[in-house]
Amino acid sequence: MKPQQLVLIVEDDEAISRLLELSFKQAGDKTLIAKNRKSALREIQTRKPDIILLDLGLPDGDGKELISTIRSQLTIPIIIVSARNDETEIIAALDAGADDYITKPFSTNELFARVRSTQRRFLVHQTSGSLISCNNLVMDIDQFSVTKRGQPLKLTPTEFNLLKFLMLNRNQVLTHTKILKEVWGISYQHEMQYLRTYINSLRKKIEPDLTSPIYIQTELGIGYRFLCQSGD
């Protein structure tokens, strides 16, 4: 994790918030505590944290709504820390814009590993490079931007990193494991729900017709292929 980061802990369980606060302070980080959505938004707007740890069960509303609110305003790493372990809940949180999900109870070592992995994905804009294009899609790695028919697309950092990996390896069959390892990290090689969620999200943004994708092709039982026949 980067030094002296400011961590916002959105958690109404005092025992868990104290544990998280102590763990991050021992690692050399600064922390903020918010017990509900209202105070979390106030801290985000005034203190601008580097990363957010968010419980879904908040006293003044569901955490997924807070994710959507944050995502409409800011690009910031969000990791869900929740007792809810239902696949539907996890996918819904990821769909709302969360970058990772860890269920309670958890080990601090696992949590820190997830934080490091998420932060690596958010550093993608520092990668040197140039334009990558395919038909009507143009990605500018340096500017952290993607356009479709000249119109900018709004992508999350994870979506951007996934699309970048696919475009850099165009016309190749990429296994599920390889994509997960390269985009999310080695500890994510079996997190198929992550990959399905973000592939579907990308398709909604870049494909002309979701029923017949022209870019992201499914290789049944194997993985995906980013098809580019433009010769760019």
C-alpha atoms as a PDB file:
ATOM      1  CA  MET A   1       0.000   0.000   0.000  1.00  0.00           C
ATOM      2  CA  LYS A   2       1.209   3.513  -0.661  1.00  0.00           C
ATOM      3  CA  PRO A   3       2.569   5.421   2.372  1.00  0.00           C
ATOM      4  CA  GLN A   4       0.359   7.665   4.493  1.00  0.00           C
ATOM      5  CA  GLN A   5      -2.851   6.977   2.651  1.00  0.00           C
ATOM      6  CA  LEU A   6      -6.116   8.272   4.103  1.00  0.00           C
ATOM      7  CA  VAL A   7      -8.588   5.419   4.614  1.00  0.00           C
ATOM      8  CA  LEU A   8     -12.297   6.095   5.091  1.00  0.00           C
ATOM      9  CA  ILE A   9     -13.993   3.316   7.075  1.00  0.00           C
ATOM     10  CA  VAL A  10     -17.776   3.368   6.665  1.00  0.00           C
ATOM     11  CA  GLU A  11     -18.986   0.976   9.348  1.00  0.00           C
ATOM     12  CA  ASP A  12     -21.629   1.230  12.085  1.00  0.00           C
ATOM     13  CA  ASP A  13     -20.266  -1.717  14.086  1.00  0.00           C
ATOM     14  CA  GLU A  14     -17.931  -0.041  16.566  1.00  0.00           C
ATOM     15  CA  ALA A  15     -15.863  -3.169  17.241  1.00  0.00           C
ATOM     16  CA  ILE A  16     -15.128  -3.714  13.554  1.00  0.00           C
ATOM     17  CA  SER A  17     -14.409  -0.048  12.879  1.00  0.00           C
ATOM     18  CA  ARG A  18     -11.955   0.009  15.806  1.00  0.00           C
ATOM     19  CA  LEU A  19     -10.235  -3.134  14.490  1.00  0.00           C
ATOM     20  CA  LEU A  20      -9.886  -1.633  11.018  1.00  0.00           C
ATOM     21  CA  GLU A  21      -8.738   1.705  12.374  1.00  0.00           C
ATOM     22  CA  LEU A  22      -6.060   0.098  14.537  1.00  0.00           C
ATOM     23  CA  SER A  23      -4.869  -2.170  11.721  1.00  0.00           C
ATOM     24  CA  PHE A  24      -4.415   0.672   9.253  1.00  0.00           C
ATOM     25  CA  LYS A  25      -2.788   2.954  11.816  1.00  0.00           C
ATOM     26  CA  GLN A  26      -0.305   0.207  12.641  1.00  0.00           C
ATOM     27  CA  ALA A  27       0.481   0.051   8.921  1.00  0.00           C
ATOM     28  CA  GLY A  28       1.255   3.773   8.962  1.00  0.00           C
ATOM     29  CA  ASP A  29      -1.983   5.056   7.463  1.00  0.00           C
ATOM     30  CA  LYS A  30      -4.457   7.709   8.557  1.00  0.00           C
ATOM     31  CA  THR A  31      -8.120   6.816   9.034  1.00  0.00           C
ATOM     32  CA  LEU A  32     -11.549   8.402   9.117  1.00  0.00           C
ATOM     33  CA  ILE A  33     -14.629   6.743  10.616  1.00  0.00           C
ATOM     34  CA  ALA A  34     -18.172   7.235   9.327  1.00  0.00           C
ATOM     35  CA  LYS A  35     -21.121   5.349  10.827  1.00  0.00           C
ATOM     36  CA  ASN A  36     -23.690   6.156   8.126  1.00  0.00           C
ATOM     37  CA  ARG A  37     -24.116   7.332   4.543  1.00  0.00           C
ATOM     38  CA  LYS A  38     -24.585  10.990   5.453  1.00  0.00           C
ATOM     39  CA  SER A  39     -21.365  11.303   7.425  1.00  0.00           C
ATOM     40  CA  ALA A  40     -19.503   9.233   4.809  1.00  0.00           C
ATOM     41  CA  LEU A  41     -20.474  11.644   2.037  1.00  0.00           C
ATOM     42  CA  ARG A  42     -19.421  14.585   4.204  1.00  0.00           C
ATOM     43  CA  GLU A  43     -15.987  13.037   4.806  1.00  0.00           C
ATOM     44  CA  ILE A  44     -15.571  12.191   1.118  1.00  0.00           C
ATOM     45  CA  GLN A  45     -16.382  15.740   0.043  1.00  0.00           C
ATOM     46  CA  THR A  46     -14.263  17.484   2.670  1.00  0.00           C
ATOM     47  CA  ARG A  47     -11.341  15.134   3.293  1.00  0.00           C
ATOM     48  CA  LYS A  48     -10.951  13.321  -0.057  1.00  0.00           C
ATOM     49  CA  PRO A  49      -9.786   9.874   1.179  1.00  0.00           C
ATOM     50  CA  ASP A  50      -7.508   7.643  -0.893  1.00  0.00           C
ATOM     51  CA  ILE A  51      -9.614   4.505  -0.421  1.00  0.00           C
ATOM     52  CA  ILE A  52     -13.002   3.586   1.060  1.00  0.00           C
ATOM     53  CA  LEU A  53     -13.902   0.469   3.058  1.00  0.00           C
ATOM     54  CA  LEU A  54     -17.681   0.198   3.047  1.00  0.00           C
ATOM     55  CA  ASP A  55     -20.199  -1.937   4.921  1.00  0.00           C
ATOM     56  CA  LEU A  56     -23.467  -2.524   3.027  1.00  0.00           C
ATOM     57  CA  GLY A  57     -25.772  -2.568   6.051  1.00  0.00           C
ATOM     58  CA  LEU A  58     -25.839   1.074   7.157  1.00  0.00           C
ATOM     59  CA  PRO A  59     -28.452   2.567   9.504  1.00  0.00           C
ATOM     60  CA  ASP A  60     -29.596   5.216   6.997  1.00  0.00           C
ATOM     61  CA  GLY A  61     -29.710   3.107   3.834  1.00  0.00           C
ATOM     62  CA  ASP A  62     -28.093   0.380   1.787  1.00  0.00           C
ATOM     63  CA  GLY A  63     -24.410   0.763   1.002  1.00  0.00           C
ATOM     64  CA  LYS A  64     -24.968   0.006  -2.690  1.00  0.00           C
ATOM     65  CA  GLU A  65     -26.797   3.311  -3.042  1.00  0.00           C
ATOM     66  CA  LEU A  66     -23.804   5.077  -1.527  1.00  0.00           C
ATOM     67  CA  ILE A  67     -21.510   3.372  -4.053  1.00  0.00           C
ATOM     68  CA  SER A  68     -23.624   4.704  -6.920  1.00  0.00           C
ATOM     69  CA  THR A  69     -23.572   8.209  -5.434  1.00  0.00           C
ATOM     70  CA  ILE A  70     -19.792   8.163  -5.053  1.00  0.00           C
ATOM     71  CA  ARG A  71     -19.266   6.784  -8.548  1.00  0.00           C
ATOM     72  CA  SER A  72     -21.381   9.576 -10.054  1.00  0.00           C
ATOM     73  CA  GLN A  73     -18.965  12.119  -8.593  1.00  0.00           C
ATOM     74  CA  LEU A  74     -15.537  10.582  -8.043  1.00  0.00           C
ATOM     75  CA  THR A  75     -13.082   7.920  -9.135  1.00  0.00           C
ATOM     76  CA  ILE A  76     -11.866   6.367  -5.902  1.00  0.00           C
ATOM     77  CA  PRO A  77     -11.158   2.768  -4.816  1.00  0.00           C
ATOM     78  CA  ILE A  78     -14.094   1.198  -2.957  1.00  0.00           C
ATOM     79  CA  ILE A  79     -13.835  -2.153  -1.175  1.00  0.00           C
ATOM     80  CA  ILE A  80     -16.949  -3.688   0.359  1.00  0.00           C
ATOM     81  CA  VAL A  81     -16.477  -5.237   3.815  1.00  0.00           C
ATOM     82  CA  SER A  82     -19.739  -6.981   4.624  1.00  0.00           C
ATOM     83  CA  ALA A  83     -21.297 -10.012   6.288  1.00  0.00           C
ATOM     84  CA  ARG A  84     -23.517 -10.486   3.238  1.00  0.00           C
ATOM     85  CA  ASN A  85     -22.065 -13.366   1.251  1.00  0.00           C
ATOM     86  CA  ASP A  86     -24.875 -14.045  -1.211  1.00  0.00           C
ATOM     87  CA  GLU A  87     -23.624 -14.060  -4.818  1.00  0.00           C
ATOM     88  CA  THR A  88     -26.487 -11.779  -5.860  1.00  0.00           C
ATOM     89  CA  GLU A  89     -25.434  -9.176  -3.289  1.00  0.00           C
ATOM     90  CA  ILE A  90     -21.794  -9.386  -4.324  1.00  0.00           C
ATOM     91  CA  ILE A  91     -22.563  -8.956  -8.018  1.00  0.00           C
ATOM     92  CA  ALA A  92     -24.975  -6.096  -7.268  1.00  0.00           C
ATOM     93  CA  ALA A  93     -22.269  -4.283  -5.305  1.00  0.00           C
ATOM     94  CA  LEU A  94     -19.740  -4.784  -8.100  1.00  0.00           C
ATOM     95  CA  ASP A  95     -22.317  -3.637 -10.646  1.00  0.00           C
ATOM     96  CA  ALA A  96     -22.897  -0.499  -8.580  1.00  0.00           C
ATOM     97  CA  GLY A  97     -19.200   0.324  -8.935  1.00  0.00           C
ATOM     98  CA  ALA A  98     -17.362  -1.378  -6.075  1.00  0.00           C
ATOM     99  CA  ASP A  99     -13.856  -2.572  -6.909  1.00  0.00           C
ATOM    100  CA  ASP A 100     -13.660  -5.514  -4.531  1.00  0.00           C
ATOM    101  CA  TYR A 101     -15.643  -7.407  -1.915  1.00  0.00           C
ATOM    102  CA  ILE A 102     -14.491  -9.143   1.254  1.00  0.00           C
ATOM    103  CA  THR A 103     -16.860 -10.952   3.614  1.00  0.00           C
ATOM    104  CA  LYS A 104     -16.849 -10.939   7.392  1.00  0.00           C
ATOM    105  CA  PRO A 105     -15.149 -12.465   9.268  1.00  0.00           C
ATOM    106  CA  PHE A 106     -11.865 -11.689   7.497  1.00  0.00           C
ATOM    107  CA  SER A 107      -8.149 -11.592   8.223  1.00  0.00           C
ATOM    108  CA  THR A 108      -6.307  -8.291   8.093  1.00  0.00           C
ATOM    109  CA  ASN A 109      -3.689  -9.913   5.851  1.00  0.00           C
ATOM    110  CA  GLU A 110      -6.354 -10.746   3.283  1.00  0.00           C
ATOM    111  CA  LEU A 111      -7.834  -7.257   3.553  1.00  0.00           C
ATOM    112  CA  PHE A 112      -4.460  -5.583   3.010  1.00  0.00           C
ATOM    113  CA  ALA A 113      -3.821  -7.859   0.014  1.00  0.00           C
ATOM    114  CA  ARG A 114      -7.136  -6.764  -1.493  1.00  0.00           C
ATOM    115  CA  VAL A 115      -6.307  -3.112  -0.844  1.00  0.00           C
ATOM    116  CA  ARG A 116      -2.923  -3.450  -2.552  1.00  0.00           C
ATOM    117  CA  SER A 117      -4.460  -5.200  -5.543  1.00  0.00           C
ATOM    118  CA  THR A 118      -7.157  -2.539  -5.917  1.00  0.00           C
ATOM    119  CA  GLN A 119      -4.607   0.253  -5.698  1.00  0.00           C
ATOM    120  CA  ARG A 120      -2.468  -1.344  -8.409  1.00  0.00           C
ATOM    121  CA  ARG A 121      -5.457  -1.271 -10.744  1.00  0.00           C
ATOM    122  CA  PHE A 122      -6.023   2.403  -9.981  1.00  0.00           C
ATOM    123  CA  LEU A 123      -2.434   3.192 -10.958  1.00  0.00           C
ATOM    124  CA  VAL A 124      -3.053   2.137 -14.555  1.00  0.00           C
ATOM    125  CA  HIS A 125      -3.170   5.762 -15.684  1.00  0.00           C
ATOM    126  CA  GLN A 126       0.548   6.055 -14.824  1.00  0.00           C
ATOM    127  CA  THR A 127       1.437   3.430 -17.433  1.00  0.00           C
ATOM    128  CA  SER A 128       3.382   4.886 -20.334  1.00  0.00           C
ATOM    129  CA  GLY A 129       1.964   4.193 -23.730  1.00  0.00           C
ATOM    130  CA  SER A 130       0.070   5.669 -26.602  1.00  0.00           C
ATOM    131  CA  LEU A 131      -3.155   5.255 -28.515  1.00  0.00           C
ATOM    132  CA  ILE A 132      -4.757   1.853 -29.039  1.00  0.00           C
ATOM    133  CA  SER A 133      -7.481   1.760 -31.653  1.00  0.00           C
ATOM    134  CA  CYS A 134      -9.851  -0.736 -33.170  1.00  0.00           C
ATOM    135  CA  ASN A 135     -12.574   0.334 -35.587  1.00  0.00           C
ATOM    136  CA  ASN A 136     -14.518   3.058 -33.747  1.00  0.00           C
ATOM    137  CA  LEU A 137     -12.848   2.506 -30.371  1.00  0.00           C
ATOM    138  CA  VAL A 138      -9.810   4.583 -29.410  1.00  0.00           C
ATOM    139  CA  MET A 139      -8.022   4.243 -26.074  1.00  0.00           C
ATOM    140  CA  ASP A 140      -5.496   6.824 -24.870  1.00  0.00           C
ATOM    141  CA  ILE A 141      -3.558   5.123 -22.086  1.00  0.00           C
ATOM    142  CA  ASP A 142      -1.703   8.280 -21.043  1.00  0.00           C
ATOM    143  CA  GLN A 143      -4.896  10.306 -20.770  1.00  0.00           C
ATOM    144  CA  PHE A 144      -6.884   7.452 -19.195  1.00  0.00           C
ATOM    145  CA  SER A 145      -9.641   7.892 -21.777  1.00  0.00           C
ATOM    146  CA  VAL A 146     -11.644   5.870 -24.293  1.00  0.00           C
ATOM    147  CA  THR A 147     -13.812   7.187 -27.107  1.00  0.00           C
ATOM    148  CA  LYS A 148     -16.396   5.454 -29.297  1.00  0.00           C
ATOM    149  CA  ARG A 149     -17.153   7.166 -32.594  1.00  0.00           C
ATOM    150  CA  GLY A 150     -15.396  10.194 -31.150  1.00  0.00           C
ATOM    151  CA  GLN A 151     -17.603  10.324 -28.060  1.00  0.00           C
ATOM    152  CA  PRO A 152     -15.981   9.775 -24.634  1.00  0.00           C
ATOM    153  CA  LEU A 153     -16.962   6.684 -22.666  1.00  0.00           C
ATOM    154  CA  LYS A 154     -17.248   6.777 -18.886  1.00  0.00           C
ATOM    155  CA  LEU A 155     -15.303   3.777 -17.585  1.00  0.00           C
ATOM    156  CA  THR A 156     -14.305   2.875 -14.053  1.00  0.00           C
ATOM    157  CA  PRO A 157     -10.568   2.257 -13.500  1.00  0.00           C
ATOM    158  CA  THR A 158     -11.191  -1.495 -13.414  1.00  0.00           C
ATOM    159  CA  GLU A 159     -13.195  -1.399 -16.649  1.00  0.00           C
ATOM    160  CA  PHE A 160     -10.433   0.663 -18.248  1.00  0.00           C
ATOM    161  CA  ASN A 161      -7.734  -1.762 -17.141  1.00  0.00           C
ATOM    162  CA  LEU A 162      -9.722  -4.763 -18.375  1.00  0.00           C
ATOM    163  CA  LEU A 163     -10.392  -3.159 -21.762  1.00  0.00           C
ATOM    164  CA  LYS A 164      -6.742  -2.155 -22.030  1.00  0.00           C
ATOM    165  CA  PHE A 165      -5.613  -5.735 -21.438  1.00  0.00           C
ATOM    166  CA  LEU A 166      -8.100  -7.067 -23.989  1.00  0.00           C
ATOM    167  CA  MET A 167      -7.129  -4.505 -26.636  1.00  0.00           C
ATOM    168  CA  LEU A 168      -3.401  -5.016 -26.117  1.00  0.00           C
ATOM    169  CA  ASN A 169      -3.964  -8.748 -26.679  1.00  0.00           C
ATOM    170  CA  ARG A 170      -6.418  -8.403 -29.549  1.00  0.00           C
ATOM    171  CA  ASN A 171      -7.402 -11.434 -31.618  1.00  0.00           C
ATOM    172  CA  GLN A 172      -5.953 -13.809 -29.005  1.00  0.00           C
ATOM    173  CA  VAL A 173      -7.932 -16.322 -26.976  1.00  0.00           C
ATOM    174  CA  LEU A 174      -7.434 -15.283 -23.350  1.00  0.00           C
ATOM    175  CA  THR A 175      -8.393 -17.760 -20.657  1.00  0.00           C
ATOM    176  CA  HIS A 176     -10.519 -16.737 -17.692  1.00  0.00           C
ATOM    177  CA  THR A 177      -7.583 -17.418 -15.388  1.00  0.00           C
ATOM    178  CA  LYS A 178      -5.138 -15.329 -17.415  1.00  0.00           C
ATOM    179  CA  ILE A 179      -7.461 -12.317 -17.540  1.00  0.00           C
ATOM    180  CA  LEU A 180      -8.206 -12.490 -13.825  1.00  0.00           C
ATOM    181  CA  LYS A 181      -4.534 -12.885 -12.960  1.00  0.00           C
ATOM    182  CA  GLU A 182      -3.355 -10.019 -15.168  1.00  0.00           C
ATOM    183  CA  VAL A 183      -6.140  -7.545 -14.397  1.00  0.00           C
ATOM    184  CA  TRP A 184      -7.016  -8.331 -10.774  1.00  0.00           C
ATOM    185  CA  GLY A 185      -3.989 -10.212  -9.487  1.00  0.00           C
ATOM    186  CA  ILE A 186      -2.854 -13.764  -8.823  1.00  0.00           C
ATOM    187  CA  SER A 187      -5.177 -14.261  -5.833  1.00  0.00           C
ATOM    188  CA  TYR A 188      -8.219 -13.615  -8.058  1.00  0.00           C
ATOM    189  CA  GLN A 189      -7.719 -16.444 -10.556  1.00  0.00           C
ATOM    190  CA  HIS A 190     -10.921 -18.214  -9.526  1.00  0.00           C
ATOM    191  CA  GLU A 191     -13.166 -15.165  -9.048  1.00  0.00           C
ATOM    192  CA  MET A 192     -15.317 -15.830 -12.108  1.00  0.00           C
ATOM    193  CA  GLN A 193     -18.116 -13.523 -10.972  1.00  0.00           C
ATOM    194  CA  TYR A 194     -15.727 -10.554 -11.184  1.00  0.00           C
ATOM    195  CA  LEU A 195     -14.900 -11.325 -14.780  1.00  0.00           C
ATOM    196  CA  ARG A 196     -18.505 -11.967 -15.846  1.00  0.00           C
ATOM    197  CA  THR A 197     -19.667  -8.757 -14.211  1.00  0.00           C
ATOM    198  CA  TYR A 198     -17.058  -6.544 -15.830  1.00  0.00           C
ATOM    199  CA  ILE A 199     -17.270  -8.194 -19.255  1.00  0.00           C
ATOM    200  CA  ASN A 200     -21.018  -7.539 -19.244  1.00  0.00           C
ATOM    201  CA  SER A 201     -20.436  -3.974 -18.094  1.00  0.00           C
ATOM    202  CA  LEU A 202     -17.884  -3.325 -20.849  1.00  0.00           C
ATOM    203  CA  ARG A 203     -20.133  -4.832 -23.500  1.00  0.00           C
ATOM    204  CA  LYS A 204     -22.932  -2.461 -22.523  1.00  0.00           C
ATOM    205  CA  LYS A 205     -20.598   0.465 -23.126  1.00  0.00           C
ATOM    206  CA  ILE A 206     -18.690  -0.548 -26.260  1.00  0.00           C
ATOM    207  CA  GLU A 207     -20.827  -2.998 -28.242  1.00  0.00           C
ATOM    208  CA  PRO A 208     -23.293  -1.716 -30.871  1.00  0.00           C
ATOM    209  CA  ASP A 209     -25.561  -4.717 -30.204  1.00  0.00           C
ATOM    210  CA  LEU A 210     -25.413  -6.692 -26.955  1.00  0.00           C
ATOM    211  CA  THR A 211     -27.158  -9.675 -28.555  1.00  0.00           C
ATOM    212  CA  SER A 212     -24.370  -9.973 -31.128  1.00  0.00           C
ATOM    213  CA  PRO A 213     -21.059  -8.611 -29.775  1.00  0.00           C
ATOM    214  CA  ILE A 214     -18.472  -7.661 -32.376  1.00  0.00           C
ATOM    215  CA  TYR A 215     -15.581  -6.889 -30.022  1.00  0.00           C
ATOM    216  CA  ILE A 216     -15.622  -9.117 -26.933  1.00  0.00           C
ATOM    217  CA  GLN A 217     -16.190 -12.662 -28.131  1.00  0.00           C
ATOM    218  CA  THR A 218     -16.943 -15.514 -25.726  1.00  0.00           C
ATOM    219  CA  GLU A 219     -14.837 -18.624 -26.152  1.00  0.00           C
ATOM    220  CA  LEU A 220     -17.065 -21.199 -24.480  1.00  0.00           C
ATOM    221  CA  GLY A 221     -15.429 -22.919 -21.532  1.00  0.00           C
ATOM    222  CA  ILE A 222     -12.145 -21.109 -22.160  1.00  0.00           C
ATOM    223  CA  GLY A 223     -12.367 -17.345 -21.878  1.00  0.00           C
ATOM    224  CA  TYR A 224     -12.714 -14.368 -24.196  1.00  0.00           C
ATOM    225  CA  ARG A 225     -11.213 -12.904 -27.357  1.00  0.00           C
ATOM    226  CA  PHE A 226     -11.133  -9.207 -28.261  1.00  0.00           C
ATOM    227  CA  LEU A 227     -11.777  -9.307 -31.990  1.00  0.00           C
ATOM    228  CA  CYS A 228     -10.268  -6.507 -34.055  1.00  0.00           C
ATOM    229  CA  GLN A 229     -10.331  -6.774 -37.822  1.00  0.00           C
ATOM    230  CA  SER A 230      -9.648  -3.152 -38.622  1.00  0.00           C
ATOM    231  CA  GLY A 231      -5.952  -3.649 -39.171  1.00  0.00           C
ATOM    232  CA  ASP A 232      -5.162  -0.786 -36.806  1.00  0.00           C
END
